[in-house]
Amino acid sequence: VATRFEDIPLKGKIDRIDLLAPDSSDAIVIDYKTGRPKTENEIRSDGDYFRQLVFYALLLEEKGAFLQPQQFILDFIGEQGEHPVSRPFVITPEELSALKEIVRAAWKKITALDFTPL
């Protein structure tokens, strides 16, 4: 998915999108992960996996897609035949707004050729 948020180019690859019904715009966004399944608390406190889900929400919102994501799932598929573990999340408007601020700040630094960490 490629789009723009304000004047900022955005691009990301979503692993899977399932419609809740064939004639519905309601969808579930799924991202596959390998390795040890993380708990919801680990996902939220570490930030990277969760931020990725929020980024997918931003991509779909800015793309103006007919899709209305109802849930975002991290699906830990394991590496050696373990049972898959799914961690569902709902992205709030506040979480989406917080990511937009991060994207704006990062873009401002990039365009100023300032590559110090945020």
Protein backbone atom coordinates (compact mmCIF):
# COMPACT_ATOMS: atom_id res chain seq x y z
CA VAL A 1 0.00 0.00 0.00
CA ALA A 2 1.42 3.38 -0.99
CA THR A 3 -0.20 6.69 -0.14
CA ARG A 4 0.48 10.13 1.31
CA PHE A 5 -0.24 11.53 4.74
CA GLU A 6 -0.35 15.30 4.30
CA ASP A 7 2.80 15.77 2.13
CA ILE A 8 4.57 12.73 3.54
CA PRO A 9 4.94 9.62 1.35
CA LEU A 10 4.00 6.40 3.13
CA LYS A 11 4.43 2.82 2.00
CA GLY A 12 3.85 -0.51 3.71
CA LYS A 13 3.08 -4.12 2.95
CA ILE A 14 0.15 -5.68 4.77
CA ASP A 15 0.34 -9.47 5.01
CA ARG A 16 -3.38 -10.19 4.88
CA ILE A 17 -6.78 -8.48 4.93
CA ASP A 18 -9.95 -10.49 5.50
CA LEU A 19 -13.42 -9.09 4.92
CA LEU A 20 -15.90 -9.99 7.66
CA ALA A 21 -18.49 -10.72 4.95
CA PRO A 22 -18.28 -10.80 1.14
CA ASP A 23 -20.40 -7.66 0.75
CA SER A 24 -18.92 -5.80 3.73
CA SER A 25 -16.24 -3.14 4.02
CA ASP A 26 -15.51 -4.26 7.59
CA ALA A 27 -12.17 -6.05 7.69
CA ILE A 28 -9.55 -7.66 9.86
CA VAL A 29 -5.89 -6.83 9.16
CA ILE A 30 -3.47 -9.66 9.94
CA ASP A 31 0.31 -9.46 10.30
CA TYR A 32 2.29 -12.69 10.59
CA LYS A 33 5.22 -13.03 12.99
CA THR A 34 7.65 -15.88 13.64
CA GLY A 35 9.34 -16.71 16.90
CA ARG A 36 8.12 -16.84 20.45
CA PRO A 37 4.63 -15.39 20.82
CA LYS A 38 4.63 -12.15 22.76
CA THR A 39 1.98 -11.26 25.29
CA GLU A 40 -0.30 -8.28 24.77
CA ASN A 41 1.67 -6.39 27.44
CA GLU A 42 4.99 -7.16 25.72
CA ILE A 43 3.60 -5.99 22.40
CA ARG A 44 2.26 -2.74 23.83
CA SER A 45 5.31 -1.99 26.02
CA ASP A 46 7.93 -2.83 23.36
CA GLY A 47 6.06 -0.70 20.88
CA ASP A 48 7.50 -1.85 17.54
CA TYR A 49 4.92 -4.52 16.71
CA PHE A 50 2.06 -2.40 17.98
CA ARG A 51 3.31 0.69 16.13
CA GLN A 52 3.35 -1.40 12.96
CA LEU A 53 -0.35 -2.17 13.40
CA VAL A 54 -1.14 1.50 14.00
CA PHE A 55 0.87 2.33 10.86
CA TYR A 56 -1.32 -0.08 8.89
CA ALA A 57 -4.36 1.76 10.23
CA LEU A 58 -2.85 5.04 9.04
CA LEU A 59 -2.07 3.60 5.60
CA LEU A 60 -5.63 2.38 5.13
CA GLU A 61 -7.13 5.63 6.45
CA GLU A 62 -5.02 7.77 4.13
CA LYS A 63 -5.50 5.47 1.15
CA GLY A 64 -9.19 6.24 1.36
CA ALA A 65 -9.82 2.56 0.90
CA PHE A 66 -13.34 1.25 1.17
CA LEU A 67 -12.04 -0.97 3.99
CA GLN A 68 -13.03 -0.30 7.56
CA PRO A 69 -10.57 -2.23 9.75
CA GLN A 70 -12.35 -3.48 12.85
CA GLN A 71 -9.43 -5.38 14.29
CA PHE A 72 -5.69 -5.79 13.79
CA ILE A 73 -4.14 -9.17 14.59
CA LEU A 74 -0.56 -10.21 15.18
CA ASP A 75 -0.50 -13.90 14.29
CA PHE A 76 2.55 -15.65 15.74
CA ILE A 77 2.97 -18.71 13.53
CA GLY A 78 5.98 -20.21 15.34
CA GLU A 79 9.17 -21.54 13.83
CA GLN A 80 9.03 -25.28 14.49
CA GLY A 81 5.42 -26.37 14.27
CA GLU A 82 4.17 -24.73 17.47
CA HIS A 83 0.48 -23.90 17.62
CA PRO A 84 -0.21 -20.43 16.20
CA VAL A 85 -1.06 -17.71 18.71
CA SER A 86 -3.15 -14.68 17.72
CA ARG A 87 -3.07 -11.34 19.53
CA PRO A 88 -5.98 -9.10 18.46
CA PHE A 89 -5.97 -5.32 18.89
CA VAL A 90 -8.31 -2.43 18.20
CA ILE A 91 -6.59 0.83 17.23
CA THR A 92 -8.04 3.88 18.96
CA PRO A 93 -8.24 7.37 17.45
CA GLU A 94 -5.79 8.51 20.16
CA GLU A 95 -3.24 5.87 19.16
CA LEU A 96 -3.60 6.85 15.51
CA SER A 97 -3.22 10.55 16.39
CA ALA A 98 -0.06 9.82 18.41
CA LEU A 99 1.49 8.00 15.44
CA LYS A 100 0.63 10.90 13.14
CA GLU A 101 2.62 13.21 15.43
CA ILE A 102 5.59 10.84 15.30
CA VAL A 103 5.40 10.67 11.49
CA ARG A 104 5.23 14.48 11.24
CA ALA A 105 8.22 14.90 13.59
CA ALA A 106 10.28 12.27 11.77
CA TRP A 107 9.50 13.80 8.36
CA LYS A 108 10.44 17.27 9.61
CA LYS A 109 13.82 15.94 10.77
CA ILE A 110 14.40 14.05 7.51
CA THR A 111 13.66 17.07 5.33
CA ALA A 112 15.99 19.16 7.54
CA LEU A 113 18.70 16.47 7.04
CA ASP A 114 18.71 15.94 10.79
CA PHE A 115 19.25 12.23 11.35
CA THR A 116 19.57 12.28 15.11
CA PRO A 117 17.08 10.03 16.95
CA LEU A 118 13.69 11.45 17.85
